[in-house]
């Protein structure tokens, strides 16, 4: 059985390996795309009211 070494005393590569093992996998879901759009931000794709329709 391996000796327990605190996480803060591990070297950088060992910490990286440990973190990657514990990290969850999202699968097909991309958390960035599930974020709601900012309502205050300007949206170029939104249809703007036309001045000629008056």
Protein backbone atom coordinates (compact mmCIF):
# COMPACT_ATOMS: atom_id res chain seq x y z
CA UNK A 1 0.00 0.00 0.00
CA UNK A 2 1.28 3.45 -0.96
CA UNK A 3 2.02 6.04 1.66
CA UNK A 4 -0.38 8.96 1.88
CA UNK A 5 1.16 12.25 0.79
CA UNK A 6 -0.85 15.48 1.25
CA UNK A 7 -1.97 17.09 -1.99
CA UNK A 8 -0.08 20.33 -1.34
CA UNK A 9 3.20 18.42 -0.95
CA UNK A 10 2.91 16.55 -4.25
CA UNK A 11 4.92 17.83 -7.18
CA UNK A 12 3.15 19.58 -10.06
CA UNK A 13 2.91 16.56 -12.38
CA UNK A 14 1.55 14.30 -9.61
CA UNK A 15 -1.08 16.91 -8.67
CA UNK A 16 -2.08 17.26 -12.32
CA UNK A 17 -2.45 13.48 -12.66
CA UNK A 18 -4.53 13.26 -9.45
CA UNK A 19 -6.78 16.16 -10.52
CA UNK A 20 -7.40 14.65 -13.95
CA UNK A 21 -8.44 11.35 -12.37
CA UNK A 22 -10.94 13.05 -10.08
CA UNK A 23 -12.35 15.44 -12.69
CA UNK A 24 -15.81 14.56 -13.98
CA UNK A 25 -16.49 14.13 -17.69
CA UNK A 26 -19.39 16.09 -19.18
CA UNK A 27 -19.90 13.67 -22.08
CA UNK A 28 -21.86 15.17 -24.98
CA UNK A 29 -23.03 18.20 -22.95
CA UNK A 30 -20.96 21.34 -23.37
CA UNK A 31 -21.50 23.55 -20.28
CA UNK A 32 -20.46 26.70 -22.14
CA UNK A 33 -23.24 26.39 -24.72
CA UNK A 34 -25.87 25.88 -22.00
CA UNK A 35 -25.20 29.32 -20.55
CA UNK A 36 -28.06 31.84 -21.14
CA UNK A 37 -27.35 34.78 -23.42
CA UNK A 38 -26.58 38.13 -21.81
CA UNK A 39 -29.73 40.27 -22.36
CA UNK A 40 -27.74 43.54 -22.13
CA UNK A 41 -25.25 42.57 -24.83
CA UNK A 42 -25.76 43.74 -28.43
CA UNK A 43 -26.85 40.91 -30.71
CA UNK A 44 -25.97 41.40 -34.40
CA UNK A 45 -28.11 38.44 -35.47
CA UNK A 46 -31.29 39.90 -33.99
CA UNK A 47 -33.55 41.50 -36.62
CA UNK A 48 -33.40 45.24 -36.11
CA UNK A 49 -36.48 47.41 -36.72
CA UNK A 50 -36.30 48.83 -40.24
CA UNK A 51 -36.75 52.62 -40.65
CA UNK A 52 -38.53 52.22 -43.99
CA UNK A 53 -41.39 50.24 -42.40
CA UNK A 54 -43.26 53.17 -41.00
